[in-house]
Amino acid sequence: MSSILSRFTRVNLRSVERGVWLRAARLYSVNGTFFGRAVLQRPKAESFRNTTPEVIRPTLFRRSQSSETDGFAPPSIYNYEDIKKLSLNPEKDKILVDVREPAEVDQGFIPTAINIPYKSAPHALSLSEEAFEEQFGFQKPSKEKELIFYCLGGVRSNYAQELAGNFGYDKRGNYPGSWEDWLQKENSRK
């Protein structure tokens, strides 16, 4: 891909016909692999001045999963029982990270978890310690500690743990059941 521009990203693709652009509301790069929802369209230009952009075809970029071949060890996978033990008896070398948005967290969260929203702040773990603390109001997690990610249903937590690996966090975990699993199991215990 030859160019990336601003928040509403347009990427000029070499493999498609000349004059066709990729437009995506969010496009991220992980290890040089781009992903996000997008459509190919013709740009508004002099030759297209009196026409609206023509949608060519929808495209979905897919990210590759972390593996030992791309330099990352796979994350540890946690289940409800593991997370329940961690919430009742916090370990100093493990941090539970809720990657949902603050409005979602206001409706409930797993005890002892910190909130670092994935969608609104994907860059959070790349910030300096001072900037992180100023933005979030608590100390930036150490790279020596294992970060265990969860979200609503397990999708954002998987992406967040992969992104954390790119920022130098080698000790990562994922709770794929996430908040929905936690809430279901907690309600069934009552």
N, C-alpha and C. Protein backbone atom coordinates (compact mmCIF):
# COMPACT_ATOMS: atom_id res chain seq x y z
N MET A 1 0.85 -1.16 0.00
CA MET A 1 0.00 0.00 0.00
C MET A 1 0.89 1.22 0.00
N SER A 2 0.56 2.14 -0.85
CA SER A 2 1.52 3.21 -1.05
C SER A 2 1.31 4.46 -0.22
N SER A 3 0.10 4.76 0.27
CA SER A 3 -0.02 5.96 1.08
C SER A 3 -1.16 5.83 2.08
N ILE A 4 -0.98 6.48 3.22
CA ILE A 4 -2.02 6.50 4.24
C ILE A 4 -2.23 7.95 4.65
N LEU A 5 -3.50 8.38 4.76
CA LEU A 5 -3.81 9.75 5.09
C LEU A 5 -4.82 9.82 6.22
N SER A 6 -4.60 10.62 7.22
CA SER A 6 -5.49 11.07 8.29
C SER A 6 -6.44 10.05 8.89
N ARG A 7 -7.40 10.55 9.68
CA ARG A 7 -8.32 9.69 10.42
C ARG A 7 -9.26 8.93 9.50
N PHE A 8 -9.89 9.60 8.56
CA PHE A 8 -10.70 8.91 7.56
C PHE A 8 -9.73 8.55 6.45
N THR A 9 -9.23 7.38 6.52
CA THR A 9 -8.06 6.96 5.78
C THR A 9 -8.38 6.63 4.32
N ARG A 10 -7.51 7.08 3.45
CA ARG A 10 -7.53 6.65 2.06
C ARG A 10 -6.20 6.03 1.75
N VAL A 11 -6.22 4.86 1.20
CA VAL A 11 -4.99 4.16 0.88
C VAL A 11 -4.98 3.88 -0.61
N ASN A 12 -3.94 4.31 -1.29
CA ASN A 12 -3.80 4.05 -2.71
C ASN A 12 -3.29 2.63 -2.88
N LEU A 13 -4.03 1.79 -3.56
CA LEU A 13 -3.64 0.40 -3.74
C LEU A 13 -2.94 0.21 -5.07
N ARG A 14 -1.79 -0.40 -5.05
CA ARG A 14 -1.05 -0.66 -6.29
C ARG A 14 -1.68 -1.78 -7.10
N SER A 15 -2.39 -2.70 -6.41
CA SER A 15 -2.89 -3.89 -7.08
C SER A 15 -4.23 -3.68 -7.79
N VAL A 16 -4.84 -2.51 -7.67
CA VAL A 16 -6.12 -2.27 -8.34
C VAL A 16 -5.91 -1.21 -9.42
N GLU A 17 -6.94 -1.02 -10.23
CA GLU A 17 -6.79 -0.10 -11.35
C GLU A 17 -6.45 1.32 -10.90
N ARG A 18 -5.81 2.06 -11.74
CA ARG A 18 -5.38 3.42 -11.43
C ARG A 18 -6.60 4.30 -11.15
N GLY A 19 -6.50 5.13 -10.12
CA GLY A 19 -7.58 6.04 -9.79
C GLY A 19 -8.58 5.49 -8.81
N VAL A 20 -8.35 4.29 -8.30
CA VAL A 20 -9.26 3.72 -7.32
C VAL A 20 -8.61 3.83 -5.95
N TRP A 21 -9.38 4.24 -4.96
CA TRP A 21 -8.87 4.43 -3.61
C TRP A 21 -9.60 3.53 -2.64
N LEU A 22 -8.95 3.24 -1.56
CA LEU A 22 -9.59 2.53 -0.47
C LEU A 22 -9.96 3.56 0.58
N ARG A 23 -11.21 3.55 1.03
CA ARG A 23 -11.65 4.49 2.05
C ARG A 23 -12.09 3.70 3.27
N ALA A 24 -11.54 4.04 4.42
CA ALA A 24 -11.89 3.33 5.65
C ALA A 24 -12.01 4.32 6.80
N ALA A 25 -13.00 4.14 7.65
CA ALA A 25 -13.14 5.00 8.81
C ALA A 25 -12.00 4.74 9.79
N ARG A 26 -11.59 3.49 9.94
CA ARG A 26 -10.49 3.14 10.82
C ARG A 26 -9.64 2.09 10.12
N LEU A 27 -8.37 2.35 10.02
CA LEU A 27 -7.45 1.39 9.41
C LEU A 27 -6.22 1.37 10.30
N TYR A 28 -5.87 0.22 10.82
CA TYR A 28 -4.74 0.08 11.71
C TYR A 28 -3.67 -0.78 11.05
N SER A 29 -2.45 -0.62 11.53
CA SER A 29 -1.36 -1.45 11.05
C SER A 29 -0.78 -2.21 12.23
N VAL A 30 -0.68 -3.51 12.06
CA VAL A 30 -0.03 -4.36 13.06
C VAL A 30 1.03 -5.15 12.32
N ASN A 31 2.28 -4.94 12.68
CA ASN A 31 3.41 -5.61 12.02
C ASN A 31 3.36 -5.42 10.51
N GLY A 32 2.94 -4.26 10.05
CA GLY A 32 2.91 -3.99 8.62
C GLY A 32 1.69 -4.53 7.91
N THR A 33 0.79 -5.21 8.63
CA THR A 33 -0.44 -5.73 8.03
C THR A 33 -1.57 -4.77 8.36
N PHE A 34 -2.27 -4.29 7.35
CA PHE A 34 -3.35 -3.34 7.56
C PHE A 34 -4.67 -4.08 7.70
N PHE A 35 -5.56 -3.54 8.55
CA PHE A 35 -6.87 -4.14 8.70
C PHE A 35 -7.89 -3.07 9.03
N GLY A 36 -9.15 -3.37 8.75
CA GLY A 36 -10.25 -2.45 9.01
C GLY A 36 -11.34 -2.68 7.98
N ARG A 37 -12.51 -2.09 8.19
CA ARG A 37 -13.58 -2.18 7.21
C ARG A 37 -13.39 -1.08 6.18
N ALA A 38 -13.63 -1.40 4.93
CA ALA A 38 -13.36 -0.42 3.89
C ALA A 38 -14.16 -0.73 2.64
N VAL A 39 -14.25 0.26 1.75
CA VAL A 39 -14.78 0.04 0.41
C VAL A 39 -13.84 0.70 -0.59
N LEU A 40 -13.75 0.11 -1.74
CA LEU A 40 -12.97 0.72 -2.81
C LEU A 40 -13.87 1.70 -3.53
N GLN A 41 -13.35 2.87 -3.85
CA GLN A 41 -14.16 3.86 -4.56
C GLN A 41 -13.27 4.76 -5.38
N ARG A 42 -13.88 5.44 -6.33
CA ARG A 42 -13.14 6.41 -7.13
C ARG A 42 -13.10 7.73 -6.37
N PRO A 43 -11.97 8.41 -6.36
CA PRO A 43 -11.88 9.68 -5.64
C PRO A 43 -12.58 10.81 -6.40
N LYS A 44 -13.00 11.84 -5.66
CA LYS A 44 -13.51 13.04 -6.32
C LYS A 44 -12.30 13.77 -6.87
N ALA A 45 -12.25 13.95 -8.14
CA ALA A 45 -11.11 14.60 -8.77
C ALA A 45 -11.62 15.40 -9.97
N GLU A 46 -10.72 16.10 -10.63
CA GLU A 46 -11.09 16.91 -11.79
C GLU A 46 -11.90 16.10 -12.81
N SER A 47 -11.44 14.89 -13.11
CA SER A 47 -12.12 14.09 -14.13
C SER A 47 -13.46 13.55 -13.65
N PHE A 48 -13.68 13.56 -12.35
CA PHE A 48 -14.93 13.04 -11.80
C PHE A 48 -15.74 14.16 -11.15
N ARG A 49 -15.47 15.41 -11.50
CA ARG A 49 -16.04 16.56 -10.82
C ARG A 49 -17.56 16.53 -10.77
N ASN A 50 -18.24 16.11 -11.80
CA ASN A 50 -19.69 16.15 -11.84
C ASN A 50 -20.35 14.83 -11.43
N THR A 51 -19.58 13.91 -10.89
CA THR A 51 -20.14 12.63 -10.49
C THR A 51 -19.83 12.36 -9.03
N THR A 52 -20.61 11.50 -8.41
CA THR A 52 -20.32 11.09 -7.03
C THR A 52 -19.42 9.87 -7.08
N PRO A 53 -18.69 9.61 -5.98
CA PRO A 53 -17.81 8.44 -6.00
C PRO A 53 -18.60 7.15 -6.24
N GLU A 54 -18.04 6.30 -7.06
CA GLU A 54 -18.67 5.03 -7.40
C GLU A 54 -18.07 3.95 -6.50
N VAL A 55 -18.91 3.24 -5.80
CA VAL A 55 -18.42 2.15 -4.95
C VAL A 55 -18.13 0.96 -5.85
N ILE A 56 -16.91 0.46 -5.79
CA ILE A 56 -16.48 -0.64 -6.64
C ILE A 56 -16.86 -1.98 -6.02
N ARG A 57 -16.38 -2.27 -4.81
CA ARG A 57 -16.73 -3.51 -4.12
C ARG A 57 -16.32 -3.36 -2.65
N PRO A 58 -17.06 -4.00 -1.75
CA PRO A 58 -16.66 -3.94 -0.35
C PRO A 58 -15.44 -4.81 -0.10
N THR A 59 -14.63 -4.41 0.86
CA THR A 59 -13.42 -5.14 1.18
C THR A 59 -13.30 -5.24 2.69
N LEU A 60 -12.87 -6.35 3.18
CA LEU A 60 -12.60 -6.51 4.60
C LEU A 60 -11.16 -6.95 4.75
N PHE A 61 -10.37 -6.14 5.46
CA PHE A 61 -9.00 -6.52 5.73
C PHE A 61 -9.01 -7.43 6.93
N ARG A 62 -8.22 -8.46 6.90
CA ARG A 62 -8.12 -9.37 8.03
C ARG A 62 -6.72 -9.32 8.60
N ARG A 63 -6.67 -9.40 9.90
CA ARG A 63 -5.38 -9.44 10.56
C ARG A 63 -4.96 -10.88 10.76
N SER A 64 -3.69 -11.10 10.71
CA SER A 64 -3.20 -12.44 11.03
C SER A 64 -3.11 -12.56 12.54
N GLN A 65 -3.31 -13.76 13.05
CA GLN A 65 -3.21 -13.99 14.49
C GLN A 65 -1.74 -14.00 14.89
N SER A 66 -1.48 -13.57 16.12
CA SER A 66 -0.12 -13.62 16.64
C SER A 66 0.34 -15.06 16.72
N SER A 67 1.57 -15.26 16.37
CA SER A 67 2.12 -16.61 16.48
C SER A 67 3.61 -16.49 16.70
N GLU A 68 4.22 -17.61 16.96
CA GLU A 68 5.65 -17.58 17.18
C GLU A 68 6.41 -17.19 15.92
N THR A 69 5.80 -17.34 14.76
CA THR A 69 6.48 -16.98 13.52
C THR A 69 6.61 -15.48 13.33
N ASP A 70 5.72 -14.68 13.95
CA ASP A 70 5.84 -13.23 13.80
C ASP A 70 6.52 -12.60 15.00
N GLY A 71 7.17 -13.39 15.86
CA GLY A 71 7.95 -12.86 16.95
C GLY A 71 7.22 -12.79 18.27
N PHE A 72 5.95 -13.11 18.31
CA PHE A 72 5.18 -13.05 19.54
C PHE A 72 4.80 -14.45 19.99
N ALA A 73 4.93 -14.69 21.29
CA ALA A 73 4.40 -15.92 21.85
C ALA A 73 2.89 -15.76 21.94
N PRO A 74 2.12 -16.82 21.76
CA PRO A 74 0.67 -16.68 21.88
C PRO A 74 0.30 -16.28 23.30
N PRO A 75 -0.83 -15.57 23.47
CA PRO A 75 -1.23 -15.14 24.81
C PRO A 75 -1.72 -16.31 25.65
N SER A 76 -1.66 -16.14 26.94
CA SER A 76 -2.27 -17.12 27.84
C SER A 76 -3.77 -16.93 27.74
N ILE A 77 -4.51 -18.02 27.79
CA ILE A 77 -5.97 -17.97 27.72
C ILE A 77 -6.53 -18.24 29.12
N TYR A 78 -7.42 -17.38 29.55
CA TYR A 78 -8.02 -17.48 30.88
C TYR A 78 -9.50 -17.80 30.77
N ASN A 79 -10.01 -18.53 31.75
CA ASN A 79 -11.44 -18.82 31.81
C ASN A 79 -12.04 -18.13 33.03
N TYR A 80 -13.33 -18.33 33.24
CA TYR A 80 -14.02 -17.67 34.34
C TYR A 80 -13.39 -17.97 35.70
N GLU A 81 -13.07 -19.23 35.96
CA GLU A 81 -12.51 -19.62 37.26
C GLU A 81 -11.18 -18.91 37.52
N ASP A 82 -10.33 -18.82 36.48
CA ASP A 82 -9.04 -18.13 36.62
C ASP A 82 -9.26 -16.66 36.98
N ILE A 83 -10.18 -16.02 36.27
CA ILE A 83 -10.43 -14.59 36.49
C ILE A 83 -11.08 -14.36 37.84
N LYS A 84 -11.97 -15.26 38.27
CA LYS A 84 -12.61 -15.15 39.58
C LYS A 84 -11.56 -15.19 40.68
N LYS A 85 -10.62 -16.15 40.58
CA LYS A 85 -9.53 -16.24 41.57
C LYS A 85 -8.70 -14.96 41.58
N LEU A 86 -8.40 -14.45 40.40
CA LEU A 86 -7.59 -13.23 40.29
C LEU A 86 -8.32 -12.02 40.87
N SER A 87 -9.64 -11.95 40.68
CA SER A 87 -10.38 -10.81 41.22
C SER A 87 -10.52 -10.88 42.74
N LEU A 88 -10.55 -12.11 43.30
CA LEU A 88 -10.64 -12.27 44.76
C LEU A 88 -9.28 -12.14 45.44
N ASN A 89 -8.23 -12.61 44.77
CA ASN A 89 -6.86 -12.56 45.31
C ASN A 89 -5.92 -11.99 44.26
N PRO A 90 -5.89 -10.66 44.10
CA PRO A 90 -5.04 -10.07 43.06
C PRO A 90 -3.57 -10.46 43.23
N GLU A 91 -2.94 -10.74 42.10
CA GLU A 91 -1.51 -11.06 42.09
C GLU A 91 -0.77 -9.82 41.63
N LYS A 92 0.38 -9.54 42.27
CA LYS A 92 1.11 -8.31 41.96
C LYS A 92 1.73 -8.31 40.56
N ASP A 93 1.89 -9.51 39.96
CA ASP A 93 2.50 -9.56 38.63
C ASP A 93 1.48 -9.72 37.50
N LYS A 94 0.16 -9.60 37.83
CA LYS A 94 -0.88 -9.70 36.80
C LYS A 94 -1.85 -8.53 36.95
N ILE A 95 -2.24 -7.95 35.81
CA ILE A 95 -3.18 -6.83 35.80
C ILE A 95 -4.32 -7.18 34.86
N LEU A 96 -5.53 -7.07 35.36
CA LEU A 96 -6.73 -7.30 34.57
C LEU A 96 -7.10 -5.98 33.89
N VAL A 97 -7.21 -6.01 32.55
CA VAL A 97 -7.45 -4.79 31.76
C VAL A 97 -8.78 -4.91 31.02
N ASP A 98 -9.70 -4.01 31.34
CA ASP A 98 -11.00 -3.93 30.67
C ASP A 98 -10.82 -2.96 29.50
N VAL A 99 -11.02 -3.43 28.26
CA VAL A 99 -10.79 -2.59 27.09
C VAL A 99 -12.08 -2.01 26.51
N ARG A 100 -13.19 -2.13 27.26
CA ARG A 100 -14.45 -1.53 26.81
C ARG A 100 -14.40 -0.02 27.02
N GLU A 101 -15.35 0.66 26.40
CA GLU A 101 -15.45 2.12 26.53
C GLU A 101 -15.97 2.47 27.93
N PRO A 102 -15.65 3.67 28.45
CA PRO A 102 -16.08 4.05 29.80
C PRO A 102 -17.60 3.93 30.03
N ALA A 103 -18.42 4.22 29.04
CA ALA A 103 -19.87 4.09 29.20
C ALA A 103 -20.27 2.63 29.44
N GLU A 104 -19.56 1.70 28.83
CA GLU A 104 -19.82 0.28 29.05
C GLU A 104 -19.37 -0.15 30.44
N VAL A 105 -18.24 0.37 30.87
CA VAL A 105 -17.69 0.03 32.18
C VAL A 105 -18.61 0.55 33.28
N ASP A 106 -19.27 1.69 33.05
CA ASP A 106 -20.20 2.25 34.04
C ASP A 106 -21.34 1.29 34.36
N GLN A 107 -21.63 0.37 33.45
CA GLN A 107 -22.71 -0.60 33.67
C GLN A 107 -22.24 -1.83 34.45
N GLY A 108 -20.97 -1.93 34.71
CA GLY A 108 -20.42 -3.03 35.49
C GLY A 108 -19.05 -3.44 34.99
N PHE A 109 -18.23 -3.99 35.90
CA PHE A 109 -16.88 -4.42 35.54
C PHE A 109 -16.43 -5.51 36.49
N ILE A 110 -15.38 -6.20 36.14
CA ILE A 110 -14.80 -7.23 36.99
C ILE A 110 -13.94 -6.53 38.04
N PRO A 111 -14.13 -6.87 39.33
CA PRO A 111 -13.34 -6.22 40.39
C PRO A 111 -11.85 -6.32 40.14
N THR A 112 -11.13 -5.29 40.48
CA THR A 112 -9.67 -5.09 40.36
C THR A 112 -9.22 -4.70 38.95
N ALA A 113 -10.12 -4.67 37.97
CA ALA A 113 -9.72 -4.36 36.59
C ALA A 113 -9.48 -2.86 36.42
N ILE A 114 -8.54 -2.53 35.55
CA ILE A 114 -8.33 -1.14 35.14
C ILE A 114 -8.95 -0.98 33.75
N ASN A 115 -9.34 0.23 33.41
CA ASN A 115 -9.98 0.48 32.11
C ASN A 115 -9.04 1.24 31.19
N ILE A 116 -8.68 0.58 30.07
CA ILE A 116 -7.92 1.21 28.99
C ILE A 116 -8.70 0.92 27.71
N PRO A 117 -9.57 1.85 27.27
CA PRO A 117 -10.45 1.57 26.13
C PRO A 117 -9.67 1.34 24.84
N TYR A 118 -10.02 0.26 24.15
CA TYR A 118 -9.33 -0.11 22.91
C TYR A 118 -9.75 0.78 21.74
N LYS A 119 -11.05 1.02 21.59
CA LYS A 119 -11.51 1.78 20.43
C LYS A 119 -11.11 3.24 20.48
N SER A 120 -11.31 3.90 21.61
CA SER A 120 -11.04 5.33 21.68
C SER A 120 -9.58 5.65 22.01
N ALA A 121 -8.82 4.68 22.48
CA ALA A 121 -7.42 4.93 22.80
C ALA A 121 -6.53 3.73 22.47
N PRO A 122 -6.49 3.31 21.19
CA PRO A 122 -5.66 2.14 20.85
C PRO A 122 -4.17 2.39 21.06
N HIS A 123 -3.77 3.64 21.10
CA HIS A 123 -2.38 4.03 21.26
C HIS A 123 -1.94 4.09 22.72
N ALA A 124 -2.83 3.84 23.67
CA ALA A 124 -2.58 4.10 25.09
C ALA A 124 -1.28 3.50 25.60
N LEU A 125 -0.99 2.26 25.27
CA LEU A 125 0.21 1.61 25.81
C LEU A 125 1.49 2.09 25.15
N SER A 126 1.37 2.92 24.12
CA SER A 126 2.57 3.50 23.50
C SER A 126 2.90 4.87 24.10
N LEU A 127 2.02 5.40 24.93
CA LEU A 127 2.25 6.72 25.54
C LEU A 127 3.38 6.67 26.55
N SER A 128 3.98 7.83 26.81
CA SER A 128 4.97 7.91 27.87
C SER A 128 4.25 7.72 29.20
N GLU A 129 5.00 7.42 30.25
CA GLU A 129 4.37 7.19 31.56
C GLU A 129 3.61 8.43 32.03
N GLU A 130 4.18 9.61 31.80
CA GLU A 130 3.54 10.86 32.23
C GLU A 130 2.25 11.11 31.45
N ALA A 131 2.31 10.95 30.13
CA ALA A 131 1.12 11.17 29.29
C ALA A 131 0.03 10.15 29.60
N PHE A 132 0.41 8.92 29.85
CA PHE A 132 -0.56 7.88 30.19
C PHE A 132 -1.27 8.23 31.49
N GLU A 133 -0.49 8.59 32.51
CA GLU A 133 -1.09 8.91 33.81
C GLU A 133 -1.98 10.15 33.72
N GLU A 134 -1.57 11.12 32.92
CA GLU A 134 -2.38 12.32 32.74
C GLU A 134 -3.71 11.98 32.05
N GLN A 135 -3.68 11.10 31.06
CA GLN A 135 -4.89 10.75 30.32
C GLN A 135 -5.82 9.82 31.09
N PHE A 136 -5.27 8.84 31.81
CA PHE A 136 -6.09 7.82 32.45
C PHE A 136 -6.23 7.96 33.96
N GLY A 137 -5.36 8.72 34.59
CA GLY A 137 -5.48 8.94 36.03
C GLY A 137 -4.89 7.84 36.90
N PHE A 138 -4.14 6.93 36.33
CA PHE A 138 -3.44 5.91 37.08
C PHE A 138 -2.14 5.58 36.35
N GLN A 139 -1.26 4.90 37.06
CA GLN A 139 0.08 4.60 36.54
C GLN A 139 0.03 3.62 35.36
N LYS A 140 0.87 3.85 34.38
CA LYS A 140 0.96 2.96 33.22
C LYS A 140 1.46 1.59 33.66
N PRO A 141 0.82 0.52 33.18
CA PRO A 141 1.26 -0.83 33.56
C PRO A 141 2.70 -1.10 33.11
N SER A 142 3.43 -1.78 33.96
CA SER A 142 4.82 -2.14 33.67
C SER A 142 4.85 -3.27 32.65
N LYS A 143 5.87 -3.27 31.82
CA LYS A 143 6.04 -4.34 30.83
C LYS A 143 6.47 -5.64 31.49
N GLU A 144 6.83 -5.58 32.75
CA GLU A 144 7.21 -6.78 33.50
C GLU A 144 6.00 -7.56 33.99
N LYS A 145 4.83 -6.91 34.01
CA LYS A 145 3.61 -7.56 34.50
C LYS A 145 2.82 -8.14 33.33
N GLU A 146 2.05 -9.19 33.61
CA GLU A 146 1.20 -9.77 32.58
C GLU A 146 -0.10 -8.99 32.53
N LEU A 147 -0.48 -8.56 31.33
CA LEU A 147 -1.75 -7.87 31.13
C LEU A 147 -2.76 -8.88 30.62
N ILE A 148 -3.88 -9.00 31.33
CA ILE A 148 -4.94 -9.94 30.94
C ILE A 148 -6.12 -9.10 30.47
N PHE A 149 -6.45 -9.21 29.19
CA PHE A 149 -7.45 -8.35 28.57
C PHE A 149 -8.83 -9.01 28.52
N TYR A 150 -9.87 -8.18 28.71
CA TYR A 150 -11.24 -8.63 28.47
C TYR A 150 -12.05 -7.46 27.95
N CYS A 151 -13.16 -7.77 27.29
CA CYS A 151 -14.05 -6.73 26.74
C CYS A 151 -15.49 -7.20 26.97
N LEU A 152 -16.37 -7.00 26.01
CA LEU A 152 -17.75 -7.46 26.15
C LEU A 152 -17.89 -8.92 25.74
N GLY A 153 -17.36 -9.28 24.57
CA GLY A 153 -17.54 -10.64 24.07
C GLY A 153 -16.27 -11.32 23.62
N GLY A 154 -15.10 -10.69 23.77
CA GLY A 154 -13.85 -11.34 23.44
C GLY A 154 -13.15 -10.87 22.18
N VAL A 155 -13.81 -10.05 21.35
CA VAL A 155 -13.20 -9.62 20.09
C VAL A 155 -12.17 -8.51 20.34
N ARG A 156 -12.59 -7.43 20.99
CA ARG A 156 -11.67 -6.32 21.25
C ARG A 156 -10.51 -6.75 22.14
N SER A 157 -10.77 -7.65 23.08
CA SER A 157 -9.70 -8.09 23.98
C SER A 157 -8.60 -8.81 23.21
N ASN A 158 -8.99 -9.59 22.20
CA ASN A 158 -7.99 -10.27 21.38
C ASN A 158 -7.16 -9.26 20.58
N TYR A 159 -7.83 -8.28 19.98
CA TYR A 159 -7.11 -7.24 19.24
C TYR A 159 -6.20 -6.44 20.17
N ALA A 160 -6.71 -6.13 21.37
CA ALA A 160 -5.94 -5.32 22.31
C ALA A 160 -4.67 -6.06 22.77
N GLN A 161 -4.78 -7.36 23.01
CA GLN A 161 -3.58 -8.09 23.44
C GLN A 161 -2.56 -8.17 22.32
N GLU A 162 -3.02 -8.28 21.06
CA GLU A 162 -2.08 -8.29 19.93
C GLU A 162 -1.39 -6.93 19.81
N LEU A 163 -2.15 -5.87 19.97
CA LEU A 163 -1.59 -4.53 19.88
C LEU A 163 -0.60 -4.28 21.02
N ALA A 164 -0.91 -4.78 22.21
CA ALA A 164 0.00 -4.64 23.35
C ALA A 164 1.34 -5.31 23.04
N GLY A 165 1.30 -6.42 22.34
CA GLY A 165 2.54 -7.09 21.93
C GLY A 165 3.40 -6.20 21.05
N ASN A 166 2.75 -5.42 20.20
CA ASN A 166 3.49 -4.49 19.34
C ASN A 166 4.13 -3.35 20.13
N PHE A 167 3.57 -3.06 21.30
CA PHE A 167 4.12 -2.00 22.14
C PHE A 167 5.10 -2.54 23.17
N GLY A 168 5.52 -3.80 23.03
CA GLY A 168 6.56 -4.36 23.88
C GLY A 168 6.07 -5.13 25.09
N TYR A 169 4.79 -5.37 25.19
CA TYR A 169 4.26 -6.15 26.31
C TYR A 169 4.26 -7.63 25.89
N ASP A 170 5.27 -8.35 26.36
CA ASP A 170 5.42 -9.74 25.97
C ASP A 170 4.54 -10.68 26.79
N LYS A 171 4.22 -10.28 28.01
CA LYS A 171 3.38 -11.10 28.89
C LYS A 171 1.94 -10.64 28.73
N ARG A 172 1.16 -11.42 27.96
CA ARG A 172 -0.22 -11.02 27.67
C ARG A 172 -1.14 -12.21 27.87
N GLY A 173 -2.36 -11.89 28.26
CA GLY A 173 -3.37 -12.91 28.41
C GLY A 173 -4.69 -12.41 27.86
N ASN A 174 -5.60 -13.33 27.60
CA ASN A 174 -6.91 -12.98 27.06
C ASN A 174 -7.97 -13.81 27.78
N TYR A 175 -9.05 -13.14 28.15
CA TYR A 175 -10.22 -13.82 28.70
C TYR A 175 -11.27 -13.77 27.61
N PRO A 176 -11.33 -14.77 26.71
CA PRO A 176 -12.21 -14.71 25.54
C PRO A 176 -13.70 -14.65 25.89
N GLY A 177 -14.09 -15.21 27.03
CA GLY A 177 -15.50 -15.13 27.42
C GLY A 177 -15.90 -13.71 27.79
N SER A 178 -14.97 -12.98 28.33
CA SER A 178 -15.10 -11.58 28.68
C SER A 178 -16.30 -11.28 29.57
N TRP A 179 -16.80 -10.05 29.52
CA TRP A 179 -17.84 -9.58 30.42
C TRP A 179 -19.12 -10.41 30.33
N GLU A 180 -19.52 -10.81 29.13
CA GLU A 180 -20.75 -11.59 28.98
C GLU A 180 -20.64 -12.92 29.74
N ASP A 181 -19.53 -13.60 29.63
CA ASP A 181 -19.31 -14.86 30.34
C ASP A 181 -19.27 -14.62 31.83
N TRP A 182 -18.54 -13.59 32.26
CA TRP A 182 -18.44 -13.25 33.68
C TRP A 182 -19.82 -13.00 34.28
N LEU A 183 -20.61 -12.17 33.60
CA LEU A 183 -21.95 -11.81 34.10
C LEU A 183 -22.86 -13.03 34.18
N GLN A 184 -22.83 -13.87 33.16
CA GLN A 184 -23.65 -15.09 33.15
C GLN A 184 -23.28 -16.01 34.30
N LYS A 185 -21.98 -16.24 34.50
CA LYS A 185 -21.53 -17.14 35.57
C LYS A 185 -21.79 -16.54 36.95
N GLU A 186 -21.60 -15.25 37.11
CA GLU A 186 -21.86 -14.60 38.39
C GLU A 186 -23.35 -14.67 38.73
N ASN A 187 -24.21 -14.45 37.74
CA ASN A 187 -25.66 -14.50 37.98
C ASN A 187 -26.13 -15.92 38.29
N SER A 188 -25.51 -16.93 37.69
CA SER A 188 -25.90 -18.31 37.95
C SER A 188 -25.45 -18.79 39.34
N ARG A 189 -24.46 -18.13 39.92
CA ARG A 189 -23.97 -18.49 41.25
C ARG A 189 -24.89 -17.99 42.36
N LYS A 190 -25.73 -17.00 42.04
CA LYS A 190 -26.58 -16.38 43.07
C LYS A 190 -27.80 -17.20 43.35
